[in-house]
C-alpha atoms as a PDB file:
ATOM      1  CA  MET A   1      20.054  25.101  34.673  1.00  0.00           C
ATOM      2  CA  VAL A   2      19.623  26.659  31.230  1.00  0.00           C
ATOM      3  CA  LYS A   3      23.339  26.236  30.505  1.00  0.00           C
ATOM      4  CA  THR A   4      23.169  22.558  31.501  1.00  0.00           C
ATOM      5  CA  TYR A   5      20.203  22.038  29.171  1.00  0.00           C
ATOM      6  CA  ILE A   6      22.044  23.667  26.261  1.00  0.00           C
ATOM      7  CA  ILE A   7      25.129  21.500  26.810  1.00  0.00           C
ATOM      8  CA  ALA A   8      22.972  18.371  27.070  1.00  0.00           C
ATOM      9  CA  LYS A   9      21.136  19.254  23.868  1.00  0.00           C
ATOM     10  CA  GLN A  10      24.385  19.927  22.053  1.00  0.00           C
ATOM     11  CA  SER A  11      25.589  16.437  22.983  1.00  0.00           C
ATOM     12  CA  LEU A  12      22.716  14.995  20.938  1.00  0.00           C
ATOM     13  CA  HIS A  13      24.303  16.336  17.724  1.00  0.00           C
ATOM     14  CA  ILE A  14      20.817  16.775  16.275  1.00  0.00           C
ATOM     15  CA  LYS A  15      21.875  18.423  13.002  1.00  0.00           C
ATOM     16  CA  GLU A  16      24.422  15.708  12.237  1.00  0.00           C
ATOM     17  CA  PHE A  17      21.977  13.016  13.359  1.00  0.00           C
ATOM     18  CA  VAL A  18      19.234  14.208  10.995  1.00  0.00           C
ATOM     19  CA  MET A  19      21.662  14.574   8.097  1.00  0.00           C
ATOM     20  CA  HIS A  20      23.095  11.105   8.708  1.00  0.00           C
ATOM     21  CA  PHE A  21      19.728   9.312   8.929  1.00  0.00           C
ATOM     22  CA  GLY A  22      17.713  11.573   6.628  1.00  0.00           C
ATOM     23  CA  GLU A  23      17.123   8.899   3.969  1.00  0.00           C
ATOM     24  CA  ALA A  24      16.657   5.972   6.361  1.00  0.00           C
ATOM     25  CA  GLN A  25      13.253   4.336   6.555  1.00  0.00           C
ATOM     26  CA  GLU A  26      14.161   2.697   9.862  1.00  0.00           C
ATOM     27  CA  ILE A  27      16.857   3.405  12.425  1.00  0.00           C
ATOM     28  CA  SER A  28      17.895   0.631  14.796  1.00  0.00           C
ATOM     29  CA  VAL A  29      19.513   1.058  18.196  1.00  0.00           C
ATOM     30  CA  THR A  30      22.671  -0.446  16.685  1.00  0.00           C
ATOM     31  CA  ASP A  31      22.635   2.248  13.988  1.00  0.00           C
ATOM     32  CA  ILE A  32      22.377   4.942  16.656  1.00  0.00           C
ATOM     33  CA  ILE A  33      25.179   3.436  18.733  1.00  0.00           C
ATOM     34  CA  GLN A  34      27.449   3.338  15.670  1.00  0.00           C
ATOM     35  CA  PHE A  35      26.581   6.955  14.829  1.00  0.00           C
ATOM     36  CA  TYR A  36      27.585   8.218  18.272  1.00  0.00           C
ATOM     37  CA  GLN A  37      30.668   5.984  18.370  1.00  0.00           C
ATOM     38  CA  GLY A  38      31.783   7.737  15.206  1.00  0.00           C
ATOM     39  CA  LEU A  39      31.745  10.989  17.173  1.00  0.00           C
ATOM     40  CA  GLU A  40      32.818   9.646  20.570  1.00  0.00           C
ATOM     41  CA  LYS A  41      34.696   6.353  20.337  1.00  0.00           C
ATOM     42  CA  ASP A  42      34.322   5.313  23.993  1.00  0.00           C
ATOM     43  CA  ILE A  43      30.710   6.390  24.536  1.00  0.00           C
ATOM     44  CA  LYS A  44      28.801   4.196  27.009  1.00  0.00           C
ATOM     45  CA  ARG A  45      25.636   2.325  26.080  1.00  0.00           C
ATOM     46  CA  SER A  46      23.787   4.024  28.940  1.00  0.00           C
ATOM     47  CA  THR A  47      24.696   7.415  27.455  1.00  0.00           C
ATOM     48  CA  VAL A  48      23.324   6.366  24.062  1.00  0.00           C
ATOM     49  CA  ASP A  49      20.118   5.148  25.737  1.00  0.00           C
ATOM     50  CA  TRP A  50      19.762   8.545  27.413  1.00  0.00           C
ATOM     51  CA  ARG A  51      20.276  10.306  24.090  1.00  0.00           C
ATOM     52  CA  ILE A  52      17.629   8.147  22.427  1.00  0.00           C
ATOM     53  CA  TYR A  53      15.260   9.114  25.230  1.00  0.00           C
ATOM     54  CA  GLU A  54      16.063  12.800  24.736  1.00  0.00           C
ATOM     55  CA  LEU A  55      15.766  12.575  20.939  1.00  0.00           C
ATOM     56  CA  LYS A  56      12.261  11.176  21.412  1.00  0.00           C
ATOM     57  CA  ASN A  57      11.406  13.976  23.841  1.00  0.00           C
ATOM     58  CA  GLU A  58      12.664  16.536  21.311  1.00  0.00           C
ATOM     59  CA  GLY A  59      10.408  15.037  18.636  1.00  0.00           C
ATOM     60  CA  ILE A  60      13.383  13.982  16.500  1.00  0.00           C
ATOM     61  CA  LEU A  61      12.926  10.225  16.896  1.00  0.00           C
ATOM     62  CA  HIS A  62       9.636   8.354  16.659  1.00  0.00           C
ATOM     63  CA  ARG A  63       9.229   4.752  17.769  1.00  0.00           C
ATOM     64  CA  VAL A  64       8.246   2.313  15.012  1.00  0.00           C
ATOM     65  CA  SER A  65       8.591  -0.906  17.009  1.00  0.00           C
ATOM     66  CA  ARG A  66      10.800  -2.290  19.766  1.00  0.00           C
ATOM     67  CA  GLY A  67      14.338  -1.036  19.166  1.00  0.00           C
ATOM     68  CA  VAL A  68      13.392   0.559  15.828  1.00  0.00           C
ATOM     69  CA  TYR A  69      12.868   4.286  15.199  1.00  0.00           C
ATOM     70  CA  SER A  70      12.179   6.761  12.429  1.00  0.00           C
ATOM     71  CA  LEU A  71      12.785  10.486  11.906  1.00  0.00           C
ATOM     72  CA  HIS A  72       9.224  10.759  10.640  1.00  0.00           C
ATOM     73  CA  GLU A  73       6.137  10.692  12.820  1.00  0.00           C
ATOM     74  CA  VAL A  74       4.572   7.291  12.430  1.00  0.00           C
ATOM     75  CA  ARG A  75       0.996   6.128  12.341  1.00  0.00           C
ATOM     76  CA  HIS A  76       0.434   2.512  13.319  1.00  0.00           C
ATOM     77  CA  TYR A  77      -2.141   0.378  11.527  1.00  0.00           C
ATOM     78  CA  ILE A  78      -4.987  -0.678  13.816  1.00  0.00           C
ATOM     79  CA  PRO A  79      -7.955  -2.358  12.094  1.00  0.00           C
ATOM     80  CA  GLU A  80     -11.524  -1.671  13.180  1.00  0.00           C
ATOM     81  CA  ILE A  81     -12.907  -4.614  15.125  1.00  0.00           C
ATOM     82  CA  THR A  82     -16.661  -5.033  14.677  1.00  0.00           C
ATOM     83  CA  ARG A  83     -19.147  -6.600  17.072  1.00  0.00           C
ATOM     84  CA  SER A  84     -19.443  -9.662  14.807  1.00  0.00           C
ATOM     85  CA  ASN A  85     -15.639 -10.040  14.822  1.00  0.00           C
ATOM     86  CA  LYS A  86     -15.689  -9.927  18.605  1.00  0.00           C
ATOM     87  CA  LEU A  87     -18.515 -12.468  18.916  1.00  0.00           C
ATOM     88  CA  LEU A  88     -16.854 -14.898  16.512  1.00  0.00           C
ATOM     89  CA  TYR A  89     -13.477 -14.670  18.217  1.00  0.00           C
ATOM     90  CA  THR A  90     -15.133 -15.156  21.617  1.00  0.00           C
ATOM     91  CA  SER A  91     -16.892 -18.290  20.320  1.00  0.00           C
ATOM     92  CA  PHE A  92     -13.572 -19.617  19.056  1.00  0.00           C
ATOM     93  CA  LYS A  93     -11.701 -18.945  22.318  1.00  0.00           C
ATOM     94  CA  ASN A  94     -14.533 -20.357  24.444  1.00  0.00           C
ATOM     95  CA  GLN A  95     -14.191 -23.675  22.629  1.00  0.00           C
ATOM     96  CA  PHE A  96     -10.429 -23.597  22.127  1.00  0.00           C
ATOM     97  CA  PRO A  97      -8.909 -21.429  24.883  1.00  0.00           C
ATOM     98  CA  PHE A  98      -5.366 -22.724  24.382  1.00  0.00           C
ATOM     99  CA  VAL A  99      -5.246 -22.599  20.579  1.00  0.00           C
ATOM    100  CA  GLU A 100      -3.447 -19.648  18.994  1.00  0.00           C
ATOM    101  CA  GLY A 101      -5.604 -17.791  16.487  1.00  0.00           C
ATOM    102  CA  CYS A 102      -5.686 -14.668  14.333  1.00  0.00           C
ATOM    103  CA  LEU A 103      -8.976 -13.218  13.071  1.00  0.00           C
ATOM    104  CA  TRP A 104      -9.298 -10.652  10.304  1.00  0.00           C
ATOM    105  CA  HIS A 105     -11.534  -9.492   7.459  1.00  0.00           C
ATOM    106  CA  THR A 106     -10.641  -8.975   3.818  1.00  0.00           C
ATOM    107  CA  MET A 107     -12.761  -5.798   3.720  1.00  0.00           C
ATOM    108  CA  TRP A 108      -9.852  -4.133   5.531  1.00  0.00           C
ATOM    109  CA  ILE A 109      -7.721  -4.480   2.398  1.00  0.00           C
ATOM    110  CA  ASN A 110     -10.058  -2.125   0.506  1.00  0.00           C
ATOM    111  CA  GLU A 111      -8.517   0.825   2.350  1.00  0.00           C
ATOM    112  CA  PHE A 112      -5.401   0.353   0.238  1.00  0.00           C
ATOM    113  CA  MET A 113      -7.014  -0.510  -3.114  1.00  0.00           C
ATOM    114  CA  LEU A 114      -8.022   1.575  -6.114  1.00  0.00           C
ATOM    115  CA  HIS A 115     -10.482  -0.954  -7.515  1.00  0.00           C
ATOM    116  CA  GLN A 116     -12.758  -1.866  -4.620  1.00  0.00           C
ATOM    117  CA  VAL A 117     -13.889  -5.493  -4.403  1.00  0.00           C
ATOM    118  CA  GLY A 118     -17.337  -6.551  -3.248  1.00  0.00           C
ATOM    119  CA  ARG A 119     -16.569 -10.109  -2.153  1.00  0.00           C
ATOM    120  CA  PHE A 120     -15.300 -10.371   1.404  1.00  0.00           C
ATOM    121  CA  TYR A 121     -14.303 -13.142   3.801  1.00  0.00           C
ATOM    122  CA  THR A 122     -13.681 -13.390   7.480  1.00  0.00           C
ATOM    123  CA  ILE A 123     -10.438 -15.289   7.943  1.00  0.00           C
ATOM    124  CA  LEU A 124      -9.574 -17.226  11.067  1.00  0.00           C
ATOM    125  CA  GLU A 125      -6.017 -18.533  11.110  1.00  0.00           C
ATOM    126  CA  VAL A 126      -5.304 -21.229  13.664  1.00  0.00           C
ATOM    127  CA  GLU A 127      -2.505 -23.633  14.479  1.00  0.00           C
ATOM    128  CA  LYS A 128      -2.307 -26.276  11.756  1.00  0.00           C
ATOM    129  CA  ASP A 129      -2.941 -29.256  14.054  1.00  0.00           C
ATOM    130  CA  PHE A 130      -6.235 -27.747  15.235  1.00  0.00           C
ATOM    131  CA  MET A 131      -7.697 -26.587  11.917  1.00  0.00           C
ATOM    132  CA  GLU A 132     -10.201 -29.437  11.541  1.00  0.00           C
ATOM    133  CA  ALA A 133     -11.289 -29.306  15.172  1.00  0.00           C
ATOM    134  CA  VAL A 134     -11.928 -25.560  14.935  1.00  0.00           C
ATOM    135  CA  PHE A 135     -13.731 -26.055  11.620  1.00  0.00           C
ATOM    136  CA  TYR A 136     -16.195 -28.585  13.058  1.00  0.00           C
ATOM    137  CA  GLY A 137     -16.519 -26.731  16.345  1.00  0.00           C
ATOM    138  CA  LEU A 138     -17.579 -23.470  14.707  1.00  0.00           C
ATOM    139  CA  LYS A 139     -19.684 -25.229  12.086  1.00  0.00           C
ATOM    140  CA  GLU A 140     -21.930 -26.477  14.885  1.00  0.00           C
ATOM    141  CA  LEU A 141     -22.778 -22.832  15.583  1.00  0.00           C
ATOM    142  CA  GLY A 142     -24.367 -22.581  12.136  1.00  0.00           C
ATOM    143  CA  LYS A 143     -21.516 -20.677  10.507  1.00  0.00           C
ATOM    144  CA  GLU A 144     -21.016 -20.738   6.724  1.00  0.00           C
ATOM    145  CA  ILE A 145     -17.506 -22.023   7.070  1.00  0.00           C
ATOM    146  CA  TYR A 146     -14.813 -23.395   4.749  1.00  0.00           C
ATOM    147  CA  LEU A 147     -11.585 -25.184   5.568  1.00  0.00           C
ATOM    148  CA  ASN A 148      -8.629 -24.007   3.462  1.00  0.00           C
ATOM    149  CA  PRO A 149     -10.776 -23.791   0.286  1.00  0.00           C
ATOM    150  CA  SER A 150      -9.353 -24.396  -3.179  1.00  0.00           C
ATOM    151  CA  GLU A 151      -9.725 -21.932  -6.046  1.00  0.00           C
ATOM    152  CA  GLU A 152     -12.646 -23.990  -7.380  1.00  0.00           C
ATOM    153  CA  VAL A 153     -14.471 -23.958  -4.043  1.00  0.00           C
ATOM    154  CA  LEU A 154     -13.906 -20.220  -3.695  1.00  0.00           C
ATOM    155  CA  ASP A 155     -15.356 -19.535  -7.131  1.00  0.00           C
ATOM    156  CA  LYS A 156     -18.260 -21.992  -7.012  1.00  0.00           C
ATOM    157  CA  TYR A 157     -19.435 -21.724  -3.435  1.00  0.00           C
ATOM    158  CA  VAL A 158     -17.737 -19.136  -1.241  1.00  0.00           C
ATOM    159  CA  SER A 159     -18.208 -16.188  -3.601  1.00  0.00           C
ATOM    160  CA  SER A 160     -21.993 -16.423  -3.396  1.00  0.00           C
ATOM    161  CA  LYS A 161     -22.187 -16.484   0.394  1.00  0.00           C
ATOM    162  CA  LYS A 162     -23.020 -13.366   2.388  1.00  0.00           C
ATOM    163  CA  ALA A 163     -20.580 -13.747   5.291  1.00  0.00           C
ATOM    164  CA  PRO A 164     -18.311 -16.771   4.783  1.00  0.00           C
ATOM    165  CA  LEU A 165     -15.707 -17.761   7.336  1.00  0.00           C
ATOM    166  CA  ILE A 166     -12.489 -19.313   6.064  1.00  0.00           C
ATOM    167  CA  ILE A 167     -10.193 -21.378   8.265  1.00  0.00           C
ATOM    168  CA  ILE A 168      -6.534 -21.485   7.245  1.00  0.00           C
ATOM    169  CA  SER A 169      -3.257 -22.346   8.952  1.00  0.00           C
ATOM    170  CA  LEU A 170      -1.492 -19.788  11.131  1.00  0.00           C
ATOM    171  CA  VAL A 171       2.231 -19.630  10.434  1.00  0.00           C
ATOM    172  CA  SER A 172       4.265 -19.826  13.623  1.00  0.00           C
ATOM    173  CA  GLU A 173       5.774 -16.539  14.823  1.00  0.00           C
ATOM    174  CA  ALA A 174       3.474 -14.567  12.512  1.00  0.00           C
ATOM    175  CA  PRO A 175       3.414 -10.844  13.418  1.00  0.00           C
ATOM    176  CA  ILE A 176       0.003 -10.364  14.982  1.00  0.00           C
ATOM    177  CA  GLN A 177      -1.387  -7.721  17.317  1.00  0.00           C
ATOM    178  CA  LYS A 178      -4.123  -7.632  19.950  1.00  0.00           C
ATOM    179  CA  VAL A 179      -6.930  -5.117  19.281  1.00  0.00           C
ATOM    180  CA  ASN A 180      -9.935  -4.969  21.620  1.00  0.00           C
ATOM    181  CA  GLY A 181      -9.029  -8.368  23.013  1.00  0.00           C
ATOM    182  CA  ILE A 182      -8.728 -10.035  19.610  1.00  0.00           C
ATOM    183  CA  ASN A 183      -5.569 -11.382  18.007  1.00  0.00           C
ATOM    184  CA  THR A 184      -5.545  -9.912  14.515  1.00  0.00           C
ATOM    185  CA  VAL A 185      -3.205  -8.987  11.672  1.00  0.00           C
ATOM    186  CA  THR A 186      -0.507  -6.381  11.642  1.00  0.00           C
ATOM    187  CA  LEU A 187      -0.002  -4.482   8.416  1.00  0.00           C
ATOM    188  CA  GLU A 188       3.228  -6.397   7.805  1.00  0.00           C
ATOM    189  CA  LYS A 189       1.398  -9.724   8.046  1.00  0.00           C
ATOM    190  CA  MET A 190      -1.401  -8.578   5.754  1.00  0.00           C
ATOM    191  CA  LEU A 191       1.017  -7.455   3.041  1.00  0.00           C
ATOM    192  CA  VAL A 192       3.024 -10.668   3.114  1.00  0.00           C
ATOM    193  CA  ASP A 193      -0.119 -12.824   3.127  1.00  0.00           C
ATOM    194  CA  LEU A 194      -1.359 -11.097  -0.033  1.00  0.00           C
ATOM    195  CA  VAL A 195       1.853 -12.118  -1.784  1.00  0.00           C
ATOM    196  CA  CYS A 196       1.792 -15.673  -0.434  1.00  0.00           C
ATOM    197  CA  ASN A 197      -1.815 -16.690  -1.108  1.00  0.00           C
ATOM    198  CA  GLU A 198      -2.716 -15.771  -4.681  1.00  0.00           C
ATOM    199  CA  THR A 199      -5.745 -18.074  -4.584  1.00  0.00           C
ATOM    200  CA  LEU A 200      -7.432 -16.493  -1.590  1.00  0.00           C
ATOM    201  CA  PHE A 201      -6.390 -12.968  -2.570  1.00  0.00           C
ATOM    202  CA  ALA A 202      -6.855 -13.197  -6.339  1.00  0.00           C
ATOM    203  CA  ALA A 203      -8.432  -9.713  -6.499  1.00  0.00           C
ATOM    204  CA  GLN A 204      -5.321  -8.170  -4.928  1.00  0.00           C
ATOM    205  CA  GLN A 205      -2.704  -9.341  -7.414  1.00  0.00           C
ATOM    206  CA  GLY A 206      -0.786  -7.670 -10.257  1.00  0.00           C
ATOM    207  CA  VAL A 207      -0.823  -3.883 -10.424  1.00  0.00           C
ATOM    208  CA  GLU A 208      -3.334  -3.801  -7.556  1.00  0.00           C
ATOM    209  CA  LEU A 209      -0.813  -5.486  -5.273  1.00  0.00           C
ATOM    210  CA  LYS A 210       1.720  -2.752  -6.030  1.00  0.00           C
ATOM    211  CA  ARG A 211      -0.929  -0.126  -5.247  1.00  0.00           C
ATOM    212  CA  ILE A 212      -1.662  -1.808  -1.926  1.00  0.00           C
ATOM    213  CA  PHE A 213       2.007  -1.786  -0.929  1.00  0.00           C
ATOM    214  CA  ARG A 214       2.354   1.846  -2.015  1.00  0.00           C
ATOM    215  CA  SER A 215      -0.784   2.997  -0.180  1.00  0.00           C
ATOM    216  CA  ALA A 216       0.167   1.101   2.985  1.00  0.00           C
ATOM    217  CA  HIS A 217       3.644   2.647   2.884  1.00  0.00           C
ATOM    218  CA  GLU A 218       2.175   6.150   2.502  1.00  0.00           C
ATOM    219  CA  LYS A 219      -0.400   5.822   5.276  1.00  0.00           C
ATOM    220  CA  TYR A 220       1.241   3.815   8.032  1.00  0.00           C
ATOM    221  CA  ALA A 221       4.496   2.799   9.627  1.00  0.00           C
ATOM    222  CA  ILE A 222       5.825  -0.481   8.275  1.00  0.00           C
ATOM    223  CA  SER A 223       8.513  -2.324  10.169  1.00  0.00           C
ATOM    224  CA  GLU A 224      10.867  -3.547   7.474  1.00  0.00           C
ATOM    225  CA  THR A 225      12.431  -5.991   9.918  1.00  0.00           C
ATOM    226  CA  LYS A 226       9.065  -7.507  10.818  1.00  0.00           C
ATOM    227  CA  LEU A 227       7.917  -7.542   7.182  1.00  0.00           C
ATOM    228  CA  LEU A 228      10.963  -9.349   5.826  1.00  0.00           C
ATOM    229  CA  ARG A 229      11.309 -11.749   8.746  1.00  0.00           C
ATOM    230  CA  TYR A 230       7.743 -12.959   8.215  1.00  0.00           C
ATOM    231  CA  ALA A 231       8.272 -13.079   4.444  1.00  0.00           C
ATOM    232  CA  SER A 232      11.322 -15.282   5.066  1.00  0.00           C
ATOM    233  CA  ARG A 233       9.277 -17.658   7.208  1.00  0.00           C
ATOM    234  CA  ARG A 234       6.872 -17.967   4.284  1.00  0.00           C
ATOM    235  CA  ASN A 235       9.659 -18.362   1.727  1.00  0.00           C
ATOM    236  CA  LYS A 236       8.665 -15.158  -0.052  1.00  0.00           C
ATOM    237  CA  LYS A 237      11.377 -12.773   1.073  1.00  0.00           C
ATOM    238  CA  GLU A 238      12.672 -12.007  -2.418  1.00  0.00           C
ATOM    239  CA  GLU A 239       9.220 -11.180  -3.815  1.00  0.00           C
ATOM    240  CA  VAL A 240       8.166  -9.092  -0.815  1.00  0.00           C
ATOM    241  CA  GLU A 241      11.480  -7.237  -0.638  1.00  0.00           C
ATOM    242  CA  THR A 242      11.288  -6.417  -4.367  1.00  0.00           C
ATOM    243  CA  LEU A 243       7.804  -4.934  -3.945  1.00  0.00           C
ATOM    244  CA  TYR A 244       8.800  -2.982  -0.848  1.00  0.00           C
ATOM    245  CA  ARG A 245      12.037  -1.598  -2.338  1.00  0.00           C
ATOM    246  CA  ASP A 246      10.137  -0.547  -5.462  1.00  0.00           C
ATOM    247  CA  VAL A 247       7.697   1.430  -3.311  1.00  0.00           C
ATOM    248  CA  GLN A 248      10.558   3.047  -1.401  1.00  0.00           C
ATOM    249  CA  ARG A 249      12.314   4.090  -4.624  1.00  0.00           C
ATOM    250  CA  ASN A 250       9.389   5.146  -6.782  1.00  0.00           C
ATOM    251  CA  GLY A 251       6.750   6.382  -4.334  1.00  0.00           C
ATOM    252  CA  ASN A 252       3.568   7.179  -6.273  1.00  0.00           C
ATOM    253  CA  LYS A 253       4.767   5.732  -9.565  1.00  0.00           C
ATOM    254  CA  LEU A 254       3.406   2.360 -10.656  1.00  0.00           C
END
């Protein structure tokens, strides 16, 4: 039994595996297949799947997302959902059960910032065709609500409100996650949105934006695939990739 275990462990080629992928931020299943094919040309996919399973059991591989792994233990970003978040999302879904939505709060960005901002919004992103209907539906509940506000409206009106709700369009196939029954942002979506909407996220631009990317990269797992796919859908792949590569290369340097 012990001998079988030793032989099985040797087949993982752990030392070579770690050396080969030591600098990789993400390791895909395809990468792993190609690695083992370099050692054993005719290796079966089922054998590679078994080795991935064993590498996870040995603590060598850590799952980042579906089909993506890392050599480093990963911590996934999960925002704290408050009671008011829950109540608002429930009100939205009660009125519009079949409309896709994503609720989040700009206070969450402060975790990654050096200069803390004091003006916060709750953001509800919904399918474009339903934005006005959701706006009027929630307004009837007495909410201080704004529909895709301009820079002027943000400065003149929204900034002085205690708990404003902003309705904007939800990009199709945006990377969202469900937390406590609420569809909300993933870290990848938050980072890309900061780059895409300079009006709404004016306080998070410039050097502060670089700090946010750096802090997020240090604290949590970021799926590069998910990040860049969403950035592409928003026509900001070049800008987002430049920021992300800079963080990867320079770490704590700004």
